[in-house]
């Protein structure tokens, strides 16, 4: 579609989350520098989504990053793809959480100049990126109005979340590789509980769209079911879509400008439009 192709024709803007070294940086290589890559919509609706690609906290899957961004552009949503620091490069929790929180603060701090409603900033993630997105939804603050860094004065609570075959738990139903990369070997139970998002949901957790395949061989569907159950008990609006078959890491199921993507994309577009976070596809 024209929106996605037009975006592809423009080199995306890349923003460093921190001007100097990021807090806790282990070096100055590219993987030590968390960034946001901006994909502006051709016809902005006024909302934004921070996209967290998956990769087991060991890598970042492009088809769950830039491809999602171009798809979101079709609904008028400005997308910001987060390059967060990884366990494979020696980074452990809470560094990854601090990266996504900083990303949301940064988008909110630049909302006016980018014609974004600061009350319509969401977070989206797949697999381990979905775990990071779920932590952003359950660990947040209103900012520190006395902070010397003006970005830190903005809150980091997302207004909504989108979770795609997400790792949710760091317990037995979770994904061992993601847990090891995020928490290191043999983490204490207190840390497992703190990073198991199904245990951190409150009434203040934002509304969420969740989808998963029931025969996912990598991340059990029980993760999404547990998060949805926690949202239900807390009275938080959510929409859960379970599909009987499909491998892990499906992404969109095709190029972002295709009209024959996986069914979840159509359901997501309806959910976003219904909640006034995006317009109809190519609308």
C-alpha atoms as a PDB file:
ATOM      1  CA  UNK A   1       0.000   0.000   0.000  1.00  0.00           C
ATOM      2  CA  UNK A   2       1.026   3.569  -0.605  1.00  0.00           C
ATOM      3  CA  UNK A   3       1.476   4.381   3.075  1.00  0.00           C
ATOM      4  CA  UNK A   4       4.014   1.630   3.702  1.00  0.00           C
ATOM      5  CA  UNK A   5       5.825   2.182   0.423  1.00  0.00           C
ATOM      6  CA  UNK A   6       6.010   5.923   1.003  1.00  0.00           C
ATOM      7  CA  UNK A   7       7.517   5.317   4.423  1.00  0.00           C
ATOM      8  CA  UNK A   8      10.073   2.942   2.917  1.00  0.00           C
ATOM      9  CA  UNK A   9      11.207   5.676   0.543  1.00  0.00           C
ATOM     10  CA  UNK A  10      12.306   7.859   3.462  1.00  0.00           C
ATOM     11  CA  UNK A  11      15.276   6.846   5.620  1.00  0.00           C
ATOM     12  CA  UNK A  12      13.858   6.453   9.126  1.00  0.00           C
ATOM     13  CA  UNK A  13      15.128   8.788  11.826  1.00  0.00           C
ATOM     14  CA  UNK A  14      17.143   7.116  14.598  1.00  0.00           C
ATOM     15  CA  UNK A  15      17.099   8.600  18.110  1.00  0.00           C
ATOM     16  CA  UNK A  16      19.456   7.702  20.937  1.00  0.00           C
ATOM     17  CA  UNK A  17      17.514   7.188  24.153  1.00  0.00           C
ATOM     18  CA  UNK A  18      20.210   9.008  26.103  1.00  0.00           C
ATOM     19  CA  UNK A  19      22.474  11.754  24.760  1.00  0.00           C
ATOM     20  CA  UNK A  20      25.573  10.274  26.366  1.00  0.00           C
ATOM     21  CA  UNK A  21      26.192   6.754  27.606  1.00  0.00           C
ATOM     22  CA  UNK A  22      23.045   4.952  28.674  1.00  0.00           C
ATOM     23  CA  UNK A  23      22.808   4.152  32.391  1.00  0.00           C
ATOM     24  CA  UNK A  24      24.568   0.873  33.058  1.00  0.00           C
ATOM     25  CA  UNK A  25      26.321   0.838  29.673  1.00  0.00           C
ATOM     26  CA  UNK A  26      29.017  -1.835  29.425  1.00  0.00           C
ATOM     27  CA  UNK A  27      30.781  -0.164  26.511  1.00  0.00           C
ATOM     28  CA  UNK A  28      30.329   2.131  23.536  1.00  0.00           C
ATOM     29  CA  UNK A  29      29.646  -0.385  20.763  1.00  0.00           C
ATOM     30  CA  UNK A  30      26.428  -0.222  18.762  1.00  0.00           C
ATOM     31  CA  UNK A  31      24.794  -2.875  20.953  1.00  0.00           C
ATOM     32  CA  UNK A  32      25.487  -0.723  24.032  1.00  0.00           C
ATOM     33  CA  UNK A  33      23.438   2.170  22.627  1.00  0.00           C
ATOM     34  CA  UNK A  34      19.645   1.779  22.879  1.00  0.00           C
ATOM     35  CA  UNK A  35      17.764   3.653  20.159  1.00  0.00           C
ATOM     36  CA  UNK A  36      14.353   4.390  18.708  1.00  0.00           C
ATOM     37  CA  UNK A  37      13.845   4.261  14.938  1.00  0.00           C
ATOM     38  CA  UNK A  38      10.960   6.506  13.905  1.00  0.00           C
ATOM     39  CA  UNK A  39       8.462   5.477  11.233  1.00  0.00           C
ATOM     40  CA  UNK A  40       6.062   8.423  10.762  1.00  0.00           C
ATOM     41  CA  UNK A  41       2.682   7.747   9.182  1.00  0.00           C
ATOM     42  CA  UNK A  42       1.937   9.448   5.877  1.00  0.00           C
ATOM     43  CA  UNK A  43      -1.504  10.445   7.210  1.00  0.00           C
ATOM     44  CA  UNK A  44      -1.054  10.707  10.995  1.00  0.00           C
ATOM     45  CA  UNK A  45      -3.976   9.792  13.207  1.00  0.00           C
ATOM     46  CA  UNK A  46      -2.307  11.237  16.298  1.00  0.00           C
ATOM     47  CA  UNK A  47      -1.284   8.068  18.130  1.00  0.00           C
ATOM     48  CA  UNK A  48       2.042   6.271  18.522  1.00  0.00           C
ATOM     49  CA  UNK A  49       3.309   2.799  19.402  1.00  0.00           C
ATOM     50  CA  UNK A  50       6.710   1.758  20.733  1.00  0.00           C
ATOM     51  CA  UNK A  51       7.517  -1.590  19.096  1.00  0.00           C
ATOM     52  CA  UNK A  52       9.693  -4.154  20.933  1.00  0.00           C
ATOM     53  CA  UNK A  53      10.963  -6.881  18.575  1.00  0.00           C
ATOM     54  CA  UNK A  54      11.364 -10.408  19.905  1.00  0.00           C
ATOM     55  CA  UNK A  55      14.461 -12.573  19.939  1.00  0.00           C
ATOM     56  CA  UNK A  56      14.690 -14.270  23.335  1.00  0.00           C
ATOM     57  CA  UNK A  57      16.617 -11.308  24.822  1.00  0.00           C
ATOM     58  CA  UNK A  58      19.464 -12.554  22.621  1.00  0.00           C
ATOM     59  CA  UNK A  59      18.641 -10.775  19.360  1.00  0.00           C
ATOM     60  CA  UNK A  60      16.092  -8.496  17.682  1.00  0.00           C
ATOM     61  CA  UNK A  61      13.850  -9.885  14.926  1.00  0.00           C
ATOM     62  CA  UNK A  62      13.379  -7.355  12.128  1.00  0.00           C
ATOM     63  CA  UNK A  63      10.082  -8.878  10.956  1.00  0.00           C
ATOM     64  CA  UNK A  64       8.712  -8.016  14.411  1.00  0.00           C
ATOM     65  CA  UNK A  65      10.168  -4.513  14.270  1.00  0.00           C
ATOM     66  CA  UNK A  66      10.275  -2.521  11.056  1.00  0.00           C
ATOM     67  CA  UNK A  67       7.616  -4.704   9.407  1.00  0.00           C
ATOM     68  CA  UNK A  68       5.199  -4.016  12.259  1.00  0.00           C
ATOM     69  CA  UNK A  69       6.031  -0.319  12.052  1.00  0.00           C
ATOM     70  CA  UNK A  70       5.086  -0.129   8.383  1.00  0.00           C
ATOM     71  CA  UNK A  71       1.883  -2.044   9.055  1.00  0.00           C
ATOM     72  CA  UNK A  72       0.949   0.367  11.865  1.00  0.00           C
ATOM     73  CA  UNK A  73       1.620   3.297   9.538  1.00  0.00           C
ATOM     74  CA  UNK A  74      -1.279   2.069   7.387  1.00  0.00           C
ATOM     75  CA  UNK A  75      -3.617   2.971  10.265  1.00  0.00           C
ATOM     76  CA  UNK A  76      -2.088   6.410  10.743  1.00  0.00           C
ATOM     77  CA  UNK A  77      -0.001   5.327  13.731  1.00  0.00           C
ATOM     78  CA  UNK A  78       3.527   6.684  14.124  1.00  0.00           C
ATOM     79  CA  UNK A  79       5.743   3.753  15.110  1.00  0.00           C
ATOM     80  CA  UNK A  80       8.966   3.797  17.099  1.00  0.00           C
ATOM     81  CA  UNK A  81      11.003   0.584  16.901  1.00  0.00           C
ATOM     82  CA  UNK A  82      13.055   0.051  20.034  1.00  0.00           C
ATOM     83  CA  UNK A  83      16.558  -1.338  19.917  1.00  0.00           C
ATOM     84  CA  UNK A  84      16.938  -2.387  23.538  1.00  0.00           C
ATOM     85  CA  UNK A  85      19.996  -3.873  25.209  1.00  0.00           C
ATOM     86  CA  UNK A  86      20.246  -7.662  25.331  1.00  0.00           C
ATOM     87  CA  UNK A  87      21.257 -10.425  27.676  1.00  0.00           C
ATOM     88  CA  UNK A  88      23.482 -11.861  24.955  1.00  0.00           C
ATOM     89  CA  UNK A  89      25.605  -8.718  25.333  1.00  0.00           C
ATOM     90  CA  UNK A  90      25.782  -8.960  29.109  1.00  0.00           C
ATOM     91  CA  UNK A  91      22.745  -6.873  30.060  1.00  0.00           C
ATOM     92  CA  UNK A  92      20.378  -8.111  32.729  1.00  0.00           C
ATOM     93  CA  UNK A  93      17.141  -6.886  34.242  1.00  0.00           C
ATOM     94  CA  UNK A  94      16.264  -4.097  34.948  1.00  0.00           C
ATOM     95  CA  UNK A  95      18.292  -2.606  32.052  1.00  0.00           C
ATOM     96  CA  UNK A  96      15.844  -3.817  29.390  1.00  0.00           C
ATOM     97  CA  UNK A  97      12.899  -2.439  31.354  1.00  0.00           C
ATOM     98  CA  UNK A  98      14.679   0.882  31.791  1.00  0.00           C
ATOM     99  CA  UNK A  99      15.184   1.060  28.012  1.00  0.00           C
ATOM    100  CA  UNK A 100      11.493   0.615  27.181  1.00  0.00           C
ATOM    101  CA  UNK A 101      10.419   2.984  29.969  1.00  0.00           C
ATOM    102  CA  UNK A 102      12.816   5.618  28.626  1.00  0.00           C
ATOM    103  CA  UNK A 103      11.448   5.050  25.115  1.00  0.00           C
ATOM    104  CA  UNK A 104       7.874   5.746  26.236  1.00  0.00           C
ATOM    105  CA  UNK A 105       8.998   8.839  28.151  1.00  0.00           C
ATOM    106  CA  UNK A 106      10.866  10.101  25.073  1.00  0.00           C
ATOM    107  CA  UNK A 107       7.884   9.630  22.751  1.00  0.00           C
ATOM    108  CA  UNK A 108       5.649  11.420  25.252  1.00  0.00           C
ATOM    109  CA  UNK A 109       8.173  14.248  25.622  1.00  0.00           C
ATOM    110  CA  UNK A 110       8.189  14.772  21.834  1.00  0.00           C
ATOM    111  CA  UNK A 111       4.454  14.257  21.356  1.00  0.00           C
ATOM    112  CA  UNK A 112       3.584  17.865  20.582  1.00  0.00           C
ATOM    113  CA  UNK A 113       6.235  18.377  17.918  1.00  0.00           C
ATOM    114  CA  UNK A 114       5.382  15.040  16.298  1.00  0.00           C
ATOM    115  CA  UNK A 115       1.617  15.736  16.393  1.00  0.00           C
ATOM    116  CA  UNK A 116       0.984  12.815  18.758  1.00  0.00           C
ATOM    117  CA  UNK A 117      -1.618  12.797  21.519  1.00  0.00           C
ATOM    118  CA  UNK A 118       0.404  12.059  24.698  1.00  0.00           C
ATOM    119  CA  UNK A 119      -2.605  10.054  25.958  1.00  0.00           C
ATOM    120  CA  UNK A 120      -2.482   7.712  22.941  1.00  0.00           C
ATOM    121  CA  UNK A 121       0.952   6.098  23.230  1.00  0.00           C
ATOM    122  CA  UNK A 122       0.995   2.306  23.216  1.00  0.00           C
ATOM    123  CA  UNK A 123       3.562  -0.460  23.422  1.00  0.00           C
ATOM    124  CA  UNK A 124       3.732  -3.598  21.261  1.00  0.00           C
ATOM    125  CA  UNK A 125       5.922  -6.664  21.425  1.00  0.00           C
ATOM    126  CA  UNK A 126       6.336 -10.219  20.197  1.00  0.00           C
ATOM    127  CA  UNK A 127       7.744 -13.214  22.067  1.00  0.00           C
ATOM    128  CA  UNK A 128      10.457 -11.864  24.427  1.00  0.00           C
ATOM    129  CA  UNK A 129       9.653  -8.402  23.088  1.00  0.00           C
ATOM    130  CA  UNK A 130       6.115  -9.098  24.237  1.00  0.00           C
ATOM    131  CA  UNK A 131       7.474  -9.848  27.689  1.00  0.00           C
ATOM    132  CA  UNK A 132       9.261  -6.504  27.661  1.00  0.00           C
ATOM    133  CA  UNK A 133       6.055  -4.783  26.533  1.00  0.00           C
ATOM    134  CA  UNK A 134       4.107  -6.541  29.298  1.00  0.00           C
ATOM    135  CA  UNK A 135       6.651  -5.332  31.866  1.00  0.00           C
ATOM    136  CA  UNK A 136       6.190  -1.781  30.574  1.00  0.00           C
ATOM    137  CA  UNK A 137       2.446  -2.277  31.147  1.00  0.00           C
ATOM    138  CA  UNK A 138       2.929  -3.457  34.731  1.00  0.00           C
ATOM    139  CA  UNK A 139       5.961  -1.421  35.904  1.00  0.00           C
ATOM    140  CA  UNK A 140       5.561   2.320  35.383  1.00  0.00           C
ATOM    141  CA  UNK A 141       5.527   5.705  37.096  1.00  0.00           C
ATOM    142  CA  UNK A 142       4.286   9.234  36.481  1.00  0.00           C
ATOM    143  CA  UNK A 143       7.771  10.673  36.009  1.00  0.00           C
ATOM    144  CA  UNK A 144       9.812  12.841  38.326  1.00  0.00           C
ATOM    145  CA  UNK A 145       8.917  16.489  37.880  1.00  0.00           C
ATOM    146  CA  UNK A 146      12.144  17.490  39.646  1.00  0.00           C
ATOM    147  CA  UNK A 147      14.420  15.366  37.427  1.00  0.00           C
ATOM    148  CA  UNK A 148      17.360  17.257  35.870  1.00  0.00           C
ATOM    149  CA  UNK A 149      16.782  15.346  32.608  1.00  0.00           C
ATOM    150  CA  UNK A 150      13.542  16.780  31.153  1.00  0.00           C
ATOM    151  CA  UNK A 151      12.620  13.447  29.551  1.00  0.00           C
ATOM    152  CA  UNK A 152      12.523  11.818  32.986  1.00  0.00           C
ATOM    153  CA  UNK A 153       9.783  14.260  33.999  1.00  0.00           C
ATOM    154  CA  UNK A 154       7.315  12.400  31.782  1.00  0.00           C
ATOM    155  CA  UNK A 155       5.392   9.299  32.820  1.00  0.00           C
ATOM    156  CA  UNK A 156       6.206   5.925  31.288  1.00  0.00           C
ATOM    157  CA  UNK A 157       2.810   4.227  31.549  1.00  0.00           C
ATOM    158  CA  UNK A 158       1.662   3.119  28.092  1.00  0.00           C
ATOM    159  CA  UNK A 159      -1.971   3.886  27.278  1.00  0.00           C
ATOM    160  CA  UNK A 160      -2.522   0.471  25.693  1.00  0.00           C
ATOM    161  CA  UNK A 161      -0.605  -2.677  24.868  1.00  0.00           C
ATOM    162  CA  UNK A 162      -0.394  -5.234  22.040  1.00  0.00           C
ATOM    163  CA  UNK A 163       1.097  -8.642  22.835  1.00  0.00           C
ATOM    164  CA  UNK A 164       1.925 -11.141  20.085  1.00  0.00           C
ATOM    165  CA  UNK A 165       2.696 -14.736  21.230  1.00  0.00           C
ATOM    166  CA  UNK A 166       4.351 -13.098  24.216  1.00  0.00           C
ATOM    167  CA  UNK A 167       6.483 -14.583  26.922  1.00  0.00           C
ATOM    168  CA  UNK A 168       4.670 -13.488  30.080  1.00  0.00           C
ATOM    169  CA  UNK A 169       5.937 -15.629  32.917  1.00  0.00           C
ATOM    170  CA  UNK A 170       9.494 -16.206  34.098  1.00  0.00           C
ATOM    171  CA  UNK A 171       8.213 -19.324  35.868  1.00  0.00           C
ATOM    172  CA  UNK A 172       7.654 -22.882  34.579  1.00  0.00           C
ATOM    173  CA  UNK A 173       5.228 -21.923  31.779  1.00  0.00           C
ATOM    174  CA  UNK A 174       7.611 -19.293  30.394  1.00  0.00           C
ATOM    175  CA  UNK A 175      10.549 -19.552  28.003  1.00  0.00           C
ATOM    176  CA  UNK A 176      13.753 -20.730  29.662  1.00  0.00           C
ATOM    177  CA  UNK A 177      16.073 -19.043  27.163  1.00  0.00           C
ATOM    178  CA  UNK A 178      14.436 -15.649  27.630  1.00  0.00           C
ATOM    179  CA  UNK A 179      14.563 -16.030  31.399  1.00  0.00           C
ATOM    180  CA  UNK A 180      18.252 -16.960  31.388  1.00  0.00           C
ATOM    181  CA  UNK A 181      19.164 -14.056  29.118  1.00  0.00           C
ATOM    182  CA  UNK A 182      17.127 -11.555  31.135  1.00  0.00           C
ATOM    183  CA  UNK A 183      17.803 -12.715  34.691  1.00  0.00           C
ATOM    184  CA  UNK A 184      20.962 -14.822  34.433  1.00  0.00           C
ATOM    185  CA  UNK A 185      21.339 -18.343  35.809  1.00  0.00           C
ATOM    186  CA  UNK A 186      19.474 -19.418  38.950  1.00  0.00           C
ATOM    187  CA  UNK A 187      17.615 -16.151  39.699  1.00  0.00           C
ATOM    188  CA  UNK A 188      15.970 -15.889  43.131  1.00  0.00           C
ATOM    189  CA  UNK A 189      12.218 -16.489  43.336  1.00  0.00           C
ATOM    190  CA  UNK A 190      11.626 -12.854  44.255  1.00  0.00           C
ATOM    191  CA  UNK A 191      13.140 -11.763  40.931  1.00  0.00           C
ATOM    192  CA  UNK A 192      11.179 -14.399  39.011  1.00  0.00           C
ATOM    193  CA  UNK A 193       7.973 -13.105  40.585  1.00  0.00           C
ATOM    194  CA  UNK A 194       8.871  -9.464  39.922  1.00  0.00           C
ATOM    195  CA  UNK A 195       9.371 -10.155  36.212  1.00  0.00           C
ATOM    196  CA  UNK A 196       6.416 -12.536  35.774  1.00  0.00           C
ATOM    197  CA  UNK A 197       3.901 -10.090  34.364  1.00  0.00           C
ATOM    198  CA  UNK A 198       0.838 -12.169  35.189  1.00  0.00           C
ATOM    199  CA  UNK A 199       1.706 -11.547  38.851  1.00  0.00           C
ATOM    200  CA  UNK A 200       2.129  -7.785  38.428  1.00  0.00           C
ATOM    201  CA  UNK A 201      -1.215  -6.800  36.885  1.00  0.00           C
ATOM    202  CA  UNK A 202      -3.261  -4.191  38.752  1.00  0.00           C
ATOM    203  CA  UNK A 203      -6.356  -2.134  37.982  1.00  0.00           C
ATOM    204  CA  UNK A 204      -3.988   0.498  36.534  1.00  0.00           C
ATOM    205  CA  UNK A 205      -2.551  -1.838  33.897  1.00  0.00           C
ATOM    206  CA  UNK A 206      -3.599  -0.441  30.493  1.00  0.00           C
ATOM    207  CA  UNK A 207      -6.030  -2.157  28.084  1.00  0.00           C
ATOM    208  CA  UNK A 208      -4.480  -4.867  25.952  1.00  0.00           C
ATOM    209  CA  UNK A 209      -4.851  -6.809  22.690  1.00  0.00           C
ATOM    210  CA  UNK A 210      -3.395 -10.324  22.942  1.00  0.00           C
ATOM    211  CA  UNK A 211      -2.996 -13.091  20.395  1.00  0.00           C
ATOM    212  CA  UNK A 212      -1.305 -16.493  20.375  1.00  0.00           C
ATOM    213  CA  UNK A 213      -1.453 -19.855  18.607  1.00  0.00           C
ATOM    214  CA  UNK A 214      -2.573 -22.778  20.744  1.00  0.00           C
ATOM    215  CA  UNK A 215       0.094 -25.143  19.444  1.00  0.00           C
ATOM    216  CA  UNK A 216       3.015 -22.697  19.722  1.00  0.00           C
ATOM    217  CA  UNK A 217       6.010 -25.039  20.210  1.00  0.00           C
ATOM    218  CA  UNK A 218       8.307 -22.390  21.735  1.00  0.00           C
ATOM    219  CA  UNK A 219       6.239 -20.149  24.021  1.00  0.00           C
ATOM    220  CA  UNK A 220       3.224 -21.986  25.483  1.00  0.00           C
ATOM    221  CA  UNK A 221      -0.161 -20.373  24.940  1.00  0.00           C
ATOM    222  CA  UNK A 222      -0.583 -20.585  28.725  1.00  0.00           C
ATOM    223  CA  UNK A 223       1.454 -17.365  28.905  1.00  0.00           C
ATOM    224  CA  UNK A 224      -1.184 -15.319  27.080  1.00  0.00           C
ATOM    225  CA  UNK A 225      -3.996 -17.089  28.918  1.00  0.00           C
ATOM    226  CA  UNK A 226      -2.412 -16.286  32.288  1.00  0.00           C
ATOM    227  CA  UNK A 227      -2.054 -12.600  31.414  1.00  0.00           C
ATOM    228  CA  UNK A 228      -5.616 -12.392  30.117  1.00  0.00           C
ATOM    229  CA  UNK A 229      -6.861 -14.076  33.308  1.00  0.00           C
ATOM    230  CA  UNK A 230      -4.977 -11.549  35.432  1.00  0.00           C
ATOM    231  CA  UNK A 231      -6.440  -8.653  33.414  1.00  0.00           C
ATOM    232  CA  UNK A 232      -9.921 -10.139  33.833  1.00  0.00           C
ATOM    233  CA  UNK A 233      -9.530 -10.377  37.603  1.00  0.00           C
ATOM    234  CA  UNK A 234      -8.232  -6.795  37.788  1.00  0.00           C
ATOM    235  CA  UNK A 235     -11.088  -5.432  35.686  1.00  0.00           C
ATOM    236  CA  UNK A 236      -8.792  -4.282  32.866  1.00  0.00           C
ATOM    237  CA  UNK A 237     -10.294  -4.316  29.337  1.00  0.00           C
ATOM    238  CA  UNK A 238      -8.615  -6.758  26.961  1.00  0.00           C
ATOM    239  CA  UNK A 239      -9.188  -8.727  23.797  1.00  0.00           C
ATOM    240  CA  UNK A 240      -7.736 -12.241  23.477  1.00  0.00           C
ATOM    241  CA  UNK A 241      -7.470 -14.085  20.159  1.00  0.00           C
ATOM    242  CA  UNK A 242      -6.329 -17.710  20.150  1.00  0.00           C
ATOM    243  CA  UNK A 243      -5.718 -19.510  16.873  1.00  0.00           C
ATOM    244  CA  UNK A 244      -5.526 -23.317  16.736  1.00  0.00           C
ATOM    245  CA  UNK A 245      -2.427 -23.673  14.571  1.00  0.00           C
ATOM    246  CA  UNK A 246       0.725 -21.733  13.717  1.00  0.00           C
ATOM    247  CA  UNK A 247       4.394 -21.770  14.427  1.00  0.00           C
ATOM    248  CA  UNK A 248       6.151 -19.404  16.798  1.00  0.00           C
ATOM    249  CA  UNK A 249       7.397 -16.079  15.441  1.00  0.00           C
ATOM    250  CA  UNK A 250       4.723 -15.711  12.761  1.00  0.00           C
ATOM    251  CA  UNK A 251       4.756 -11.932  12.659  1.00  0.00           C
ATOM    252  CA  UNK A 252       2.403 -10.415  10.095  1.00  0.00           C
ATOM    253  CA  UNK A 253       2.486 -13.456   7.827  1.00  0.00           C
ATOM    254  CA  UNK A 254       3.532 -11.425   4.799  1.00  0.00           C
ATOM    255  CA  UNK A 255       4.836  -8.022   3.627  1.00  0.00           C
ATOM    256  CA  UNK A 256       3.378  -5.111   5.625  1.00  0.00           C
ATOM    257  CA  UNK A 257       1.691  -3.645   2.528  1.00  0.00           C
ATOM    258  CA  UNK A 258      -0.095  -6.916   1.698  1.00  0.00           C
ATOM    259  CA  UNK A 259      -3.875  -7.282   1.803  1.00  0.00           C
ATOM    260  CA  UNK A 260      -3.640 -10.952   2.844  1.00  0.00           C
ATOM    261  CA  UNK A 261      -1.912 -10.913   6.206  1.00  0.00           C
ATOM    262  CA  UNK A 262      -2.670 -13.210   9.139  1.00  0.00           C
ATOM    263  CA  UNK A 263      -6.161 -12.809  10.673  1.00  0.00           C
ATOM    264  CA  UNK A 264      -4.856 -11.179  13.855  1.00  0.00           C
ATOM    265  CA  UNK A 265      -3.873  -8.082  11.886  1.00  0.00           C
ATOM    266  CA  UNK A 266      -7.485  -7.467  10.841  1.00  0.00           C
ATOM    267  CA  UNK A 267      -8.708  -7.989  14.410  1.00  0.00           C
ATOM    268  CA  UNK A 268      -6.036  -5.622  15.737  1.00  0.00           C
ATOM    269  CA  UNK A 269      -7.008  -2.937  13.222  1.00  0.00           C
ATOM    270  CA  UNK A 270     -10.637  -3.207  14.356  1.00  0.00           C
ATOM    271  CA  UNK A 271      -9.613  -2.995  18.024  1.00  0.00           C
ATOM    272  CA  UNK A 272      -7.427   0.060  17.443  1.00  0.00           C
ATOM    273  CA  UNK A 273     -10.143   1.833  15.450  1.00  0.00           C
ATOM    274  CA  UNK A 274     -12.842   0.978  18.000  1.00  0.00           C
ATOM    275  CA  UNK A 275     -10.735   2.466  20.793  1.00  0.00           C
ATOM    276  CA  UNK A 276      -9.746   5.532  18.739  1.00  0.00           C
ATOM    277  CA  UNK A 277      -6.042   4.640  18.653  1.00  0.00           C
ATOM    278  CA  UNK A 278      -5.952   4.229  14.874  1.00  0.00           C
ATOM    279  CA  UNK A 279      -8.061   4.481  11.747  1.00  0.00           C
ATOM    280  CA  UNK A 280      -9.220   1.671   9.485  1.00  0.00           C
ATOM    281  CA  UNK A 281      -6.524  -0.018   7.425  1.00  0.00           C
ATOM    282  CA  UNK A 282      -5.500   2.385   4.641  1.00  0.00           C
ATOM    283  CA  UNK A 283      -8.361   4.631   5.697  1.00  0.00           C
END
